[in-house]
Amino acid sequence: MMLCPCGSKIEYKQCCEPIIVNCNAKSPEQLMRSRFSAYTLQCYHYVFNTNCSSSKKNLSLNDIASSADQTKWLNLRIIKSSEFKFKQNQPLNLKLFILMVIAFIKCLKNPLSFKKINLGNT
């Protein structure tokens, strides 16, 4: 049995694997957890496919792999999540997603200096 890298304490095949295989995250939390798992397990196709269309124009699987190979993926902690559900084919709010990723990376680099980010009107 392999626990899911996302930190859910659920078996991977019952947690993020179906989301990664079917590319069907239904909430922001599922998306963040599945992308973290995809990075740790080197499922870069999923990371690429869950980027917005405009980002894909200047991004390749090799770019994602190179960047990920330079990162030590320690863990993912979800501090708060909402009940928001994605609608079919609804694009992500890119600004909010980027801010989440920036906060996540800052936390990984120096977990003791993590600060709340004011998202303003996104």
PDB file of N, CA and C in Angstrom:
ATOM      1  N   MET A   1       0.848  -1.186   0.000  1.00  0.00           N
ATOM      2  CA  MET A   1       0.000   0.000   0.000  1.00  0.00           C
ATOM      3  C   MET A   1       0.891   1.246   0.000  1.00  0.00           C
ATOM      4  N   MET A   2       0.604   2.151  -0.903  1.00  0.00           N
ATOM      5  CA  MET A   2       1.349   3.410  -0.971  1.00  0.00           C
ATOM      6  C   MET A   2       0.412   4.556  -0.586  1.00  0.00           C
ATOM      7  N   LEU A   3       0.770   5.271   0.476  1.00  0.00           N
ATOM      8  CA  LEU A   3      -0.025   6.435   0.857  1.00  0.00           C
ATOM      9  C   LEU A   3       0.163   7.534  -0.179  1.00  0.00           C
ATOM     10  N   CYS A   4      -0.853   8.333  -0.363  1.00  0.00           N
ATOM     11  CA  CYS A   4      -0.803   9.408  -1.344  1.00  0.00           C
ATOM     12  C   CYS A   4       0.209  10.468  -0.900  1.00  0.00           C
ATOM     13  N   PRO A   5       1.048  10.940  -1.819  1.00  0.00           N
ATOM     14  CA  PRO A   5       2.026  11.978  -1.482  1.00  0.00           C
ATOM     15  C   PRO A   5       1.392  13.296  -1.033  1.00  0.00           C
ATOM     16  N   CYS A   6       0.105  13.498  -1.345  1.00  0.00           N
ATOM     17  CA  CYS A   6      -0.546  14.766  -1.017  1.00  0.00           C
ATOM     18  C   CYS A   6      -0.756  14.949   0.482  1.00  0.00           C
ATOM     19  N   GLY A   7      -0.536  13.903   1.270  1.00  0.00           N
ATOM     20  CA  GLY A   7      -0.664  14.020   2.715  1.00  0.00           C
ATOM     21  C   GLY A   7      -2.047  13.720   3.254  1.00  0.00           C
ATOM     22  N   SER A   8      -2.915  13.177   2.446  1.00  0.00           N
ATOM     23  CA  SER A   8      -4.291  12.902   2.876  1.00  0.00           C
ATOM     24  C   SER A   8      -4.401  11.707   3.823  1.00  0.00           C
ATOM     25  N   LYS A   9      -3.354  10.913   3.903  1.00  0.00           N
ATOM     26  CA  LYS A   9      -3.336   9.668   4.688  1.00  0.00           C
ATOM     27  C   LYS A   9      -4.261   8.609   4.096  1.00  0.00           C
ATOM     28  N   ILE A  10      -4.568   8.777   2.812  1.00  0.00           N
ATOM     29  CA  ILE A  10      -5.379   7.820   2.054  1.00  0.00           C
ATOM     30  C   ILE A  10      -4.455   7.152   1.038  1.00  0.00           C
ATOM     31  N   GLU A  11      -4.765   5.928   0.685  1.00  0.00           N
ATOM     32  CA  GLU A  11      -3.986   5.224  -0.318  1.00  0.00           C
ATOM     33  C   GLU A  11      -4.021   5.990  -1.646  1.00  0.00           C
ATOM     34  N   TYR A  12      -2.882   6.080  -2.316  1.00  0.00           N
ATOM     35  CA  TYR A  12      -2.750   6.847  -3.559  1.00  0.00           C
ATOM     36  C   TYR A  12      -3.799   6.439  -4.595  1.00  0.00           C
ATOM     37  N   LYS A  13      -4.023   5.133  -4.775  1.00  0.00           N
ATOM     38  CA  LYS A  13      -4.963   4.697  -5.818  1.00  0.00           C
ATOM     39  C   LYS A  13      -6.403   5.083  -5.500  1.00  0.00           C
ATOM     40  N   GLN A  14      -6.694   5.450  -4.252  1.00  0.00           N
ATOM     41  CA  GLN A  14      -8.025   5.903  -3.865  1.00  0.00           C
ATOM     42  C   GLN A  14      -8.105   7.429  -3.761  1.00  0.00           C
ATOM     43  N   CYS A  15      -6.977   8.098  -3.853  1.00  0.00           N
ATOM     44  CA  CYS A  15      -6.930   9.549  -3.628  1.00  0.00           C
ATOM     45  C   CYS A  15      -6.626  10.287  -4.929  1.00  0.00           C
ATOM     46  N   CYS A  16      -5.362  10.563  -5.190  1.00  0.00           N
ATOM     47  CA  CYS A  16      -4.984  11.404  -6.339  1.00  0.00           C
ATOM     48  C   CYS A  16      -4.824  10.647  -7.655  1.00  0.00           C
ATOM     49  N   GLU A  17      -4.567   9.364  -7.605  1.00  0.00           N
ATOM     50  CA  GLU A  17      -4.348   8.630  -8.858  1.00  0.00           C
ATOM     51  C   GLU A  17      -5.522   8.755  -9.834  1.00  0.00           C
ATOM     52  N   PRO A  18      -6.773   8.543  -9.400  1.00  0.00           N
ATOM     53  CA  PRO A  18      -7.881   8.687 -10.367  1.00  0.00           C
ATOM     54  C   PRO A  18      -7.994  10.107 -10.936  1.00  0.00           C
ATOM     55  N   ILE A  19      -7.675  11.097 -10.135  1.00  0.00           N
ATOM     56  CA  ILE A  19      -7.733  12.487 -10.599  1.00  0.00           C
ATOM     57  C   ILE A  19      -6.650  12.732 -11.644  1.00  0.00           C
ATOM     58  N   ILE A  20      -5.447  12.218 -11.386  1.00  0.00           N
ATOM     59  CA  ILE A  20      -4.332  12.396 -12.321  1.00  0.00           C
ATOM     60  C   ILE A  20      -4.607  11.640 -13.619  1.00  0.00           C
ATOM     61  N   VAL A  21      -5.076  10.415 -13.523  1.00  0.00           N
ATOM     62  CA  VAL A  21      -5.338   9.591 -14.711  1.00  0.00           C
ATOM     63  C   VAL A  21      -6.455  10.194 -15.565  1.00  0.00           C
ATOM     64  N   ASN A  22      -7.516  10.667 -14.917  1.00  0.00           N
ATOM     65  CA  ASN A  22      -8.681  11.180 -15.654  1.00  0.00           C
ATOM     66  C   ASN A  22      -8.685  12.694 -15.821  1.00  0.00           C
ATOM     67  N   CYS A  23      -7.729  13.381 -15.224  1.00  0.00           N
ATOM     68  CA  CYS A  23      -7.614  14.841 -15.289  1.00  0.00           C
ATOM     69  C   CYS A  23      -8.956  15.495 -14.936  1.00  0.00           C
ATOM     70  N   ASN A  24      -9.472  15.164 -13.736  1.00  0.00           N
ATOM     71  CA  ASN A  24     -10.810  15.629 -13.389  1.00  0.00           C
ATOM     72  C   ASN A  24     -10.928  16.139 -11.946  1.00  0.00           C
ATOM     73  N   ALA A  25     -10.043  17.039 -11.536  1.00  0.00           N
ATOM     74  CA  ALA A  25     -10.180  17.644 -10.210  1.00  0.00           C
ATOM     75  C   ALA A  25     -11.509  18.389 -10.149  1.00  0.00           C
ATOM     76  N   LYS A  26     -12.205  18.228  -9.044  1.00  0.00           N
ATOM     77  CA  LYS A  26     -13.527  18.844  -8.903  1.00  0.00           C
ATOM     78  C   LYS A  26     -13.537  20.023  -7.948  1.00  0.00           C
ATOM     79  N   SER A  27     -12.398  20.311  -7.332  1.00  0.00           N
ATOM     80  CA  SER A  27     -12.317  21.438  -6.402  1.00  0.00           C
ATOM     81  C   SER A  27     -10.885  21.963  -6.398  1.00  0.00           C
ATOM     82  N   PRO A  28     -10.692  23.192  -5.913  1.00  0.00           N
ATOM     83  CA  PRO A  28      -9.327  23.724  -5.822  1.00  0.00           C
ATOM     84  C   PRO A  28      -8.423  22.847  -4.952  1.00  0.00           C
ATOM     85  N   GLU A  29      -8.970  22.292  -3.874  1.00  0.00           N
ATOM     86  CA  GLU A  29      -8.150  21.429  -3.012  1.00  0.00           C
ATOM     87  C   GLU A  29      -7.731  20.165  -3.747  1.00  0.00           C
ATOM     88  N   GLN A  30      -8.643  19.529  -4.464  1.00  0.00           N
ATOM     89  CA  GLN A  30      -8.284  18.344  -5.242  1.00  0.00           C
ATOM     90  C   GLN A  30      -7.224  18.676  -6.285  1.00  0.00           C
ATOM     91  N   LEU A  31      -7.363  19.830  -6.911  1.00  0.00           N
ATOM     92  CA  LEU A  31      -6.391  20.245  -7.919  1.00  0.00           C
ATOM     93  C   LEU A  31      -5.012  20.427  -7.292  1.00  0.00           C
ATOM     94  N   MET A  32      -4.940  21.133  -6.168  1.00  0.00           N
ATOM     95  CA  MET A  32      -3.650  21.378  -5.523  1.00  0.00           C
ATOM     96  C   MET A  32      -3.036  20.068  -5.028  1.00  0.00           C
ATOM     97  N   ARG A  33      -3.843  19.220  -4.413  1.00  0.00           N
ATOM     98  CA  ARG A  33      -3.326  17.935  -3.920  1.00  0.00           C
ATOM     99  C   ARG A  33      -2.837  17.060  -5.076  1.00  0.00           C
ATOM    100  N   SER A  34      -3.625  16.977  -6.133  1.00  0.00           N
ATOM    101  CA  SER A  34      -3.252  16.115  -7.255  1.00  0.00           C
ATOM    102  C   SER A  34      -2.029  16.659  -7.995  1.00  0.00           C
ATOM    103  N   ARG A  35      -1.910  17.976  -8.105  1.00  0.00           N
ATOM    104  CA  ARG A  35      -0.716  18.545  -8.747  1.00  0.00           C
ATOM    105  C   ARG A  35       0.528  18.290  -7.898  1.00  0.00           C
ATOM    106  N   PHE A  36       0.406  18.400  -6.583  1.00  0.00           N
ATOM    107  CA  PHE A  36       1.541  18.094  -5.704  1.00  0.00           C
ATOM    108  C   PHE A  36       1.953  16.631  -5.896  1.00  0.00           C
ATOM    109  N   SER A  37       0.972  15.731  -5.877  1.00  0.00           N
ATOM    110  CA  SER A  37       1.271  14.312  -6.084  1.00  0.00           C
ATOM    111  C   SER A  37       1.902  14.080  -7.449  1.00  0.00           C
ATOM    112  N   ALA A  38       1.381  14.740  -8.473  1.00  0.00           N
ATOM    113  CA  ALA A  38       1.923  14.586  -9.822  1.00  0.00           C
ATOM    114  C   ALA A  38       3.381  15.040  -9.882  1.00  0.00           C
ATOM    115  N   TYR A  39       3.694  16.138  -9.229  1.00  0.00           N
ATOM    116  CA  TYR A  39       5.092  16.586  -9.184  1.00  0.00           C
ATOM    117  C   TYR A  39       5.970  15.554  -8.482  1.00  0.00           C
ATOM    118  N   THR A  40       5.536  15.073  -7.329  1.00  0.00           N
ATOM    119  CA  THR A  40       6.381  14.140  -6.574  1.00  0.00           C
ATOM    120  C   THR A  40       6.559  12.811  -7.295  1.00  0.00           C
ATOM    121  N   LEU A  41       5.553  12.390  -8.053  1.00  0.00           N
ATOM    122  CA  LEU A  41       5.607  11.108  -8.762  1.00  0.00           C
ATOM    123  C   LEU A  41       6.024  11.265 -10.218  1.00  0.00           C
ATOM    124  N   GLN A  42       6.409  12.457 -10.600  1.00  0.00           N
ATOM    125  CA  GLN A  42       6.888  12.776 -11.946  1.00  0.00           C
ATOM    126  C   GLN A  42       5.837  12.511 -13.031  1.00  0.00           C
ATOM    127  N   CYS A  43       4.597  12.812 -12.729  1.00  0.00           N
ATOM    128  CA  CYS A  43       3.501  12.719 -13.714  1.00  0.00           C
ATOM    129  C   CYS A  43       3.344  14.088 -14.366  1.00  0.00           C
ATOM    130  N   TYR A  44       4.358  14.484 -15.101  1.00  0.00           N
ATOM    131  CA  TYR A  44       4.412  15.840 -15.626  1.00  0.00           C
ATOM    132  C   TYR A  44       3.355  16.123 -16.679  1.00  0.00           C
ATOM    133  N   HIS A  45       2.842  15.095 -17.339  1.00  0.00           N
ATOM    134  CA  HIS A  45       1.761  15.299 -18.310  1.00  0.00           C
ATOM    135  C   HIS A  45       0.549  15.919 -17.614  1.00  0.00           C
ATOM    136  N   TYR A  46       0.261  15.474 -16.391  1.00  0.00           N
ATOM    137  CA  TYR A  46      -0.882  16.021 -15.648  1.00  0.00           C
ATOM    138  C   TYR A  46      -0.619  17.466 -15.251  1.00  0.00           C
ATOM    139  N   VAL A  47       0.584  17.743 -14.805  1.00  0.00           N
ATOM    140  CA  VAL A  47       0.938  19.119 -14.439  1.00  0.00           C
ATOM    141  C   VAL A  47       0.761  20.024 -15.662  1.00  0.00           C
ATOM    142  N   PHE A  48       1.254  19.574 -16.804  1.00  0.00           N
ATOM    143  CA  PHE A  48       1.114  20.351 -18.033  1.00  0.00           C
ATOM    144  C   PHE A  48      -0.360  20.543 -18.396  1.00  0.00           C
ATOM    145  N   ASN A  49      -1.130  19.472 -18.362  1.00  0.00           N
ATOM    146  CA  ASN A  49      -2.540  19.530 -18.765  1.00  0.00           C
ATOM    147  C   ASN A  49      -3.397  20.374 -17.832  1.00  0.00           C
ATOM    148  N   THR A  50      -2.962  20.587 -16.603  1.00  0.00           N
ATOM    149  CA  THR A  50      -3.747  21.394 -15.668  1.00  0.00           C
ATOM    150  C   THR A  50      -3.266  22.842 -15.609  1.00  0.00           C
ATOM    151  N   ASN A  51      -2.386  23.224 -16.506  1.00  0.00           N
ATOM    152  CA  ASN A  51      -2.030  24.633 -16.665  1.00  0.00           C
ATOM    153  C   ASN A  51      -3.060  25.291 -17.573  1.00  0.00           C
ATOM    154  N   CYS A  52      -3.227  26.593 -17.430  1.00  0.00           N
ATOM    155  CA  CYS A  52      -4.162  27.297 -18.307  1.00  0.00           C
ATOM    156  C   CYS A  52      -3.597  27.349 -19.722  1.00  0.00           C
ATOM    157  N   SER A  53      -4.465  27.554 -20.672  1.00  0.00           N
ATOM    158  CA  SER A  53      -4.080  27.538 -22.088  1.00  0.00           C
ATOM    159  C   SER A  53      -2.971  28.525 -22.408  1.00  0.00           C
ATOM    160  N   SER A  54      -3.037  29.721 -21.839  1.00  0.00           N
ATOM    161  CA  SER A  54      -2.017  30.727 -22.157  1.00  0.00           C
ATOM    162  C   SER A  54      -0.646  30.322 -21.611  1.00  0.00           C
ATOM    163  N   SER A  55      -0.601  29.617 -20.495  1.00  0.00           N
ATOM    164  CA  SER A  55       0.676  29.159 -19.944  1.00  0.00           C
ATOM    165  C   SER A  55       1.277  28.042 -20.788  1.00  0.00           C
ATOM    166  N   LYS A  56       0.434  27.213 -21.371  1.00  0.00           N
ATOM    167  CA  LYS A  56       0.913  26.078 -22.159  1.00  0.00           C
ATOM    168  C   LYS A  56       1.678  26.519 -23.399  1.00  0.00           C
ATOM    169  N   LYS A  57       1.383  27.722 -23.901  1.00  0.00           N
ATOM    170  CA  LYS A  57       2.035  28.198 -25.122  1.00  0.00           C
ATOM    171  C   LYS A  57       3.548  28.318 -24.947  1.00  0.00           C
ATOM    172  N   ASN A  58       4.003  28.668 -23.747  1.00  0.00           N
ATOM    173  CA  ASN A  58       5.429  28.877 -23.491  1.00  0.00           C
ATOM    174  C   ASN A  58       5.999  27.849 -22.528  1.00  0.00           C
ATOM    175  N   LEU A  59       5.355  26.688 -22.436  1.00  0.00           N
ATOM    176  CA  LEU A  59       5.738  25.676 -21.470  1.00  0.00           C
ATOM    177  C   LEU A  59       5.785  24.316 -22.146  1.00  0.00           C
ATOM    178  N   SER A  60       6.742  23.499 -21.738  1.00  0.00           N
ATOM    179  CA  SER A  60       6.820  22.136 -22.273  1.00  0.00           C
ATOM    180  C   SER A  60       6.958  21.156 -21.106  1.00  0.00           C
ATOM    181  N   LEU A  61       6.783  19.887 -21.413  1.00  0.00           N
ATOM    182  CA  LEU A  61       6.991  18.868 -20.382  1.00  0.00           C
ATOM    183  C   LEU A  61       8.428  18.901 -19.871  1.00  0.00           C
ATOM    184  N   ASN A  62       9.372  19.176 -20.764  1.00  0.00           N
ATOM    185  CA  ASN A  62      10.774  19.276 -20.345  1.00  0.00           C
ATOM    186  C   ASN A  62      10.990  20.446 -19.389  1.00  0.00           C
ATOM    187  N   ASP A  63      10.328  21.568 -19.637  1.00  0.00           N
ATOM    188  CA  ASP A  63      10.420  22.719 -18.728  1.00  0.00           C
ATOM    189  C   ASP A  63       9.926  22.339 -17.332  1.00  0.00           C
ATOM    190  N   ILE A  64       8.790  21.664 -17.289  1.00  0.00           N
ATOM    191  CA  ILE A  64       8.203  21.256 -16.013  1.00  0.00           C
ATOM    192  C   ILE A  64       9.127  20.275 -15.309  1.00  0.00           C
ATOM    193  N   ALA A  65       9.627  19.291 -16.040  1.00  0.00           N
ATOM    194  CA  ALA A  65      10.514  18.284 -15.454  1.00  0.00           C
ATOM    195  C   ALA A  65      11.803  18.921 -14.925  1.00  0.00           C
ATOM    196  N   SER A  66      12.384  19.820 -15.687  1.00  0.00           N
ATOM    197  CA  SER A  66      13.616  20.492 -15.250  1.00  0.00           C
ATOM    198  C   SER A  66      13.396  21.281 -13.973  1.00  0.00           C
ATOM    199  N   SER A  67      12.316  22.003 -13.927  1.00  0.00           N
ATOM    200  CA  SER A  67      11.994  22.789 -12.743  1.00  0.00           C
ATOM    201  C   SER A  67      11.730  21.887 -11.537  1.00  0.00           C
ATOM    202  N   ALA A  68      10.961  20.839 -11.744  1.00  0.00           N
ATOM    203  CA  ALA A  68      10.612  19.928 -10.649  1.00  0.00           C
ATOM    204  C   ALA A  68      11.832  19.174 -10.130  1.00  0.00           C
ATOM    205  N   ASP A  69      12.746  18.839 -11.025  1.00  0.00           N
ATOM    206  CA  ASP A  69      13.944  18.103 -10.611  1.00  0.00           C
ATOM    207  C   ASP A  69      14.843  18.930  -9.693  1.00  0.00           C
ATOM    208  N   GLN A  70      14.679  20.240  -9.720  1.00  0.00           N
ATOM    209  CA  GLN A  70      15.481  21.125  -8.876  1.00  0.00           C
ATOM    210  C   GLN A  70      14.787  21.416  -7.544  1.00  0.00           C
ATOM    211  N   THR A  71      13.648  20.783  -7.312  1.00  0.00           N
ATOM    212  CA  THR A  71      12.852  21.040  -6.116  1.00  0.00           C
ATOM    213  C   THR A  71      12.750  19.779  -5.285  1.00  0.00           C
ATOM    214  N   LYS A  72      12.895  19.921  -3.986  1.00  0.00           N
ATOM    215  CA  LYS A  72      12.691  18.801  -3.080  1.00  0.00           C
ATOM    216  C   LYS A  72      11.270  18.912  -2.526  1.00  0.00           C
ATOM    217  N   TRP A  73      10.423  17.982  -2.928  1.00  0.00           N
ATOM    218  CA  TRP A  73       9.010  18.000  -2.546  1.00  0.00           C
ATOM    219  C   TRP A  73       8.869  17.331  -1.184  1.00  0.00           C
ATOM    220  N   LEU A  74       8.704  18.125  -0.137  1.00  0.00           N
ATOM    221  CA  LEU A  74       8.670  17.601   1.228  1.00  0.00           C
ATOM    222  C   LEU A  74       7.281  17.148   1.643  1.00  0.00           C
ATOM    223  N   ASN A  75       6.333  18.056   1.633  1.00  0.00           N
ATOM    224  CA  ASN A  75       4.959  17.711   1.995  1.00  0.00           C
ATOM    225  C   ASN A  75       4.035  18.844   1.597  1.00  0.00           C
ATOM    226  N   LEU A  76       2.768  18.576   1.694  1.00  0.00           N
ATOM    227  CA  LEU A  76       1.744  19.572   1.394  1.00  0.00           C
ATOM    228  C   LEU A  76       0.828  19.649   2.600  1.00  0.00           C
ATOM    229  N   ARG A  77       0.632  20.841   3.084  1.00  0.00           N
ATOM    230  CA  ARG A  77      -0.300  21.059   4.190  1.00  0.00           C
ATOM    231  C   ARG A  77      -1.406  21.978   3.710  1.00  0.00           C
ATOM    232  N   ILE A  78      -2.620  21.530   3.823  1.00  0.00           N
ATOM    233  CA  ILE A  78      -3.773  22.357   3.469  1.00  0.00           C
ATOM    234  C   ILE A  78      -4.220  23.037   4.756  1.00  0.00           C
ATOM    235  N   ILE A  79      -4.118  24.344   4.792  1.00  0.00           N
ATOM    236  CA  ILE A  79      -4.480  25.087   5.990  1.00  0.00           C
ATOM    237  C   ILE A  79      -5.973  25.370   6.007  1.00  0.00           C
ATOM    238  N   LYS A  80      -6.523  25.685   4.865  1.00  0.00           N
ATOM    239  CA  LYS A  80      -7.952  25.964   4.774  1.00  0.00           C
ATOM    240  C   LYS A  80      -8.392  25.687   3.341  1.00  0.00           C
ATOM    241  N   SER A  81      -9.580  25.136   3.196  1.00  0.00           N
ATOM    242  CA  SER A  81     -10.118  24.927   1.857  1.00  0.00           C
ATOM    243  C   SER A  81     -11.591  25.305   1.863  1.00  0.00           C
ATOM    244  N   SER A  82     -12.138  25.469   0.672  1.00  0.00           N
ATOM    245  CA  SER A  82     -13.538  25.867   0.548  1.00  0.00           C
ATOM    246  C   SER A  82     -14.326  24.728  -0.074  1.00  0.00           C
ATOM    247  N   GLU A  83     -15.611  24.901  -0.132  1.00  0.00           N
ATOM    248  CA  GLU A  83     -16.496  23.914  -0.746  1.00  0.00           C
ATOM    249  C   GLU A  83     -16.720  24.208  -2.222  1.00  0.00           C
ATOM    250  N   PHE A  84     -16.013  25.198  -2.772  1.00  0.00           N
ATOM    251  CA  PHE A  84     -16.158  25.562  -4.178  1.00  0.00           C
ATOM    252  C   PHE A  84     -15.910  24.342  -5.061  1.00  0.00           C
ATOM    253  N   LYS A  85     -16.739  24.152  -6.051  1.00  0.00           N
ATOM    254  CA  LYS A  85     -16.585  23.064  -7.015  1.00  0.00           C
ATOM    255  C   LYS A  85     -16.431  23.661  -8.406  1.00  0.00           C
ATOM    256  N   PHE A  86     -15.507  23.076  -9.201  1.00  0.00           N
ATOM    257  CA  PHE A  86     -15.349  23.523 -10.574  1.00  0.00           C
ATOM    258  C   PHE A  86     -16.541  23.080 -11.402  1.00  0.00           C
ATOM    259  N   LYS A  87     -16.970  23.945 -12.298  1.00  0.00           N
ATOM    260  CA  LYS A  87     -17.986  23.568 -13.266  1.00  0.00           C
ATOM    261  C   LYS A  87     -17.271  22.940 -14.456  1.00  0.00           C
ATOM    262  N   GLN A  88     -17.990  22.214 -15.248  1.00  0.00           N
ATOM    263  CA  GLN A  88     -17.413  21.566 -16.421  1.00  0.00           C
ATOM    264  C   GLN A  88     -16.708  22.602 -17.302  1.00  0.00           C
ATOM    265  N   ASN A  89     -15.453  22.359 -17.647  1.00  0.00           N
ATOM    266  CA  ASN A  89     -14.656  23.210 -18.533  1.00  0.00           C
ATOM    267  C   ASN A  89     -14.483  24.644 -18.026  1.00  0.00           C
ATOM    268  N   GLN A  90     -14.582  24.850 -16.723  1.00  0.00           N
ATOM    269  CA  GLN A  90     -14.399  26.193 -16.168  1.00  0.00           C
ATOM    270  C   GLN A  90     -12.905  26.466 -15.996  1.00  0.00           C
ATOM    271  N   PRO A  91     -12.387  27.561 -16.557  1.00  0.00           N
ATOM    272  CA  PRO A  91     -10.964  27.865 -16.394  1.00  0.00           C
ATOM    273  C   PRO A  91     -10.662  28.294 -14.959  1.00  0.00           C
ATOM    274  N   LEU A  92      -9.439  28.034 -14.529  1.00  0.00           N
ATOM    275  CA  LEU A  92      -9.015  28.456 -13.199  1.00  0.00           C
ATOM    276  C   LEU A  92      -8.852  29.963 -13.156  1.00  0.00           C
ATOM    277  N   ASN A  93      -9.050  30.519 -12.004  1.00  0.00           N
ATOM    278  CA  ASN A  93      -8.705  31.912 -11.812  1.00  0.00           C
ATOM    279  C   ASN A  93      -7.180  31.928 -11.697  1.00  0.00           C
ATOM    280  N   LEU A  94      -6.516  32.252 -12.787  1.00  0.00           N
ATOM    281  CA  LEU A  94      -5.068  32.134 -12.872  1.00  0.00           C
ATOM    282  C   LEU A  94      -4.352  32.959 -11.811  1.00  0.00           C
ATOM    283  N   LYS A  95      -4.819  34.162 -11.568  1.00  0.00           N
ATOM    284  CA  LYS A  95      -4.170  35.012 -10.582  1.00  0.00           C
ATOM    285  C   LYS A  95      -4.183  34.355  -9.197  1.00  0.00           C
ATOM    286  N   LEU A  96      -5.309  33.837  -8.793  1.00  0.00           N
ATOM    287  CA  LEU A  96      -5.419  33.179  -7.498  1.00  0.00           C
ATOM    288  C   LEU A  96      -4.536  31.944  -7.449  1.00  0.00           C
ATOM    289  N   PHE A  97      -4.543  31.162  -8.521  1.00  0.00           N
ATOM    290  CA  PHE A  97      -3.727  29.959  -8.548  1.00  0.00           C
ATOM    291  C   PHE A  97      -2.244  30.297  -8.444  1.00  0.00           C
ATOM    292  N   ILE A  98      -1.788  31.311  -9.175  1.00  0.00           N
ATOM    293  CA  ILE A  98      -0.383  31.714  -9.115  1.00  0.00           C
ATOM    294  C   ILE A  98      -0.018  32.169  -7.707  1.00  0.00           C
ATOM    295  N   LEU A  99      -0.892  32.945  -7.066  1.00  0.00           N
ATOM    296  CA  LEU A  99      -0.613  33.389  -5.704  1.00  0.00           C
ATOM    297  C   LEU A  99      -0.531  32.211  -4.739  1.00  0.00           C
ATOM    298  N   MET A 100      -1.373  31.203  -4.932  1.00  0.00           N
ATOM    299  CA  MET A 100      -1.304  30.012  -4.091  1.00  0.00           C
ATOM    300  C   MET A 100       0.025  29.297  -4.280  1.00  0.00           C
ATOM    301  N   VAL A 101       0.463  29.164  -5.521  1.00  0.00           N
ATOM    302  CA  VAL A 101       1.716  28.482  -5.809  1.00  0.00           C
ATOM    303  C   VAL A 101       2.897  29.267  -5.241  1.00  0.00           C
ATOM    304  N   ILE A 102       2.893  30.591  -5.390  1.00  0.00           N
ATOM    305  CA  ILE A 102       3.973  31.415  -4.842  1.00  0.00           C
ATOM    306  C   ILE A 102       4.042  31.252  -3.328  1.00  0.00           C
ATOM    307  N   ALA A 103       2.903  31.289  -2.670  1.00  0.00           N
ATOM    308  CA  ALA A 103       2.879  31.111  -1.208  1.00  0.00           C
ATOM    309  C   ALA A 103       3.393  29.730  -0.843  1.00  0.00           C
ATOM    310  N   PHE A 104       3.013  28.722  -1.612  1.00  0.00           N
ATOM    311  CA  PHE A 104       3.447  27.361  -1.362  1.00  0.00           C
ATOM    312  C   PHE A 104       4.961  27.236  -1.507  1.00  0.00           C
ATOM    313  N   ILE A 105       5.520  27.807  -2.566  1.00  0.00           N
ATOM    314  CA  ILE A 105       6.959  27.735  -2.800  1.00  0.00           C
ATOM    315  C   ILE A 105       7.718  28.490  -1.705  1.00  0.00           C
ATOM    316  N   LYS A 106       7.231  29.663  -1.328  1.00  0.00           N
ATOM    317  CA  LYS A 106       7.877  30.412  -0.250  1.00  0.00           C
ATOM    318  C   LYS A 106       7.879  29.607   1.034  1.00  0.00           C
ATOM    319  N   CYS A 107       6.787  28.919   1.295  1.00  0.00           N
ATOM    320  CA  CYS A 107       6.680  28.100   2.492  1.00  0.00           C
ATOM    321  C   CYS A 107       7.680  26.947   2.425  1.00  0.00           C
ATOM    322  N   LEU A 108       7.848  26.336   1.258  1.00  0.00           N
ATOM    323  CA  LEU A 108       8.809  25.246   1.114  1.00  0.00           C
ATOM    324  C   LEU A 108      10.234  25.725   1.350  1.00  0.00           C
ATOM    325  N   LYS A 109      10.565  26.904   0.826  1.00  0.00           N
ATOM    326  CA  LYS A 109      11.922  27.422   0.956  1.00  0.00           C
ATOM    327  C   LYS A 109      12.243  27.796   2.388  1.00  0.00           C
ATOM    328  N   ASN A 110      11.279  28.374   3.088  1.00  0.00           N
ATOM    329  CA  ASN A 110      11.513  28.784   4.465  1.00  0.00           C
ATOM    330  C   ASN A 110      10.203  28.702   5.238  1.00  0.00           C
ATOM    331  N   PRO A 111       9.861  27.501   5.756  1.00  0.00           N
ATOM    332  CA  PRO A 111       8.557  27.315   6.391  1.00  0.00           C
ATOM    333  C   PRO A 111       8.322  28.217   7.600  1.00  0.00           C
ATOM    334  N   LEU A 112       9.375  28.684   8.238  1.00  0.00           N
ATOM    335  CA  LEU A 112       9.214  29.524   9.422  1.00  0.00           C
ATOM    336  C   LEU A 112       8.819  30.948   9.077  1.00  0.00           C
ATOM    337  N   SER A 113       8.998  31.354   7.812  1.00  0.00           N
ATOM    338  CA  SER A 113       8.690  32.733   7.435  1.00  0.00           C
ATOM    339  C   SER A 113       7.380  32.851   6.658  1.00  0.00           C
ATOM    340  N   PHE A 114       6.567  31.806   6.670  1.00  0.00           N
ATOM    341  CA  PHE A 114       5.316  31.837   5.929  1.00  0.00           C
ATOM    342  C   PHE A 114       4.408  32.915   6.501  1.00  0.00           C
ATOM    343  N   LYS A 115       3.906  33.784   5.629  1.00  0.00           N
ATOM    344  CA  LYS A 115       3.022  34.873   6.037  1.00  0.00           C
ATOM    345  C   LYS A 115       1.733  34.788   5.253  1.00  0.00           C
ATOM    346  N   LYS A 116       0.677  35.280   5.842  1.00  0.00           N
ATOM    347  CA  LYS A 116      -0.599  35.338   5.140  1.00  0.00           C
ATOM    348  C   LYS A 116      -0.489  36.352   4.010  1.00  0.00           C
ATOM    349  N   ILE A 117      -0.982  35.979   2.838  1.00  0.00           N
ATOM    350  CA  ILE A 117      -0.943  36.866   1.677  1.00  0.00           C
ATOM    351  C   ILE A 117      -2.337  37.450   1.477  1.00  0.00           C
ATOM    352  N   ASN A 118      -2.403  38.764   1.334  1.00  0.00           N
ATOM    353  CA  ASN A 118      -3.674  39.421   1.060  1.00  0.00           C
ATOM    354  C   ASN A 118      -3.955  39.299  -0.432  1.00  0.00           C
ATOM    355  N   LEU A 119      -4.976  38.534  -0.779  1.00  0.00           N
ATOM    356  CA  LEU A 119      -5.288  38.299  -2.185  1.00  0.00           C
ATOM    357  C   LEU A 119      -6.064  39.433  -2.819  1.00  0.00           C
ATOM    358  N   GLY A 120      -6.619  40.318  -2.018  1.00  0.00           N
ATOM    359  CA  GLY A 120      -7.364  41.469  -2.559  1.00  0.00           C
ATOM    360  C   GLY A 120      -8.554  40.996  -3.368  1.00  0.00           C
ATOM    361  N   ASN A 121      -8.865  41.719  -4.408  1.00  0.00           N
ATOM    362  CA  ASN A 121      -9.999  41.370  -5.279  1.00  0.00           C
ATOM    363  C   ASN A 121      -9.517  40.528  -6.428  1.00  0.00           C
ATOM    364  N   THR A 122      -9.615  39.204  -6.317  1.00  0.00           N
ATOM    365  CA  THR A 122      -9.181  38.312  -7.397  1.00  0.00           C
ATOM    366  C   THR A 122     -10.368  37.864  -8.193  1.00  0.00           C
TER     367      THR A 122
END
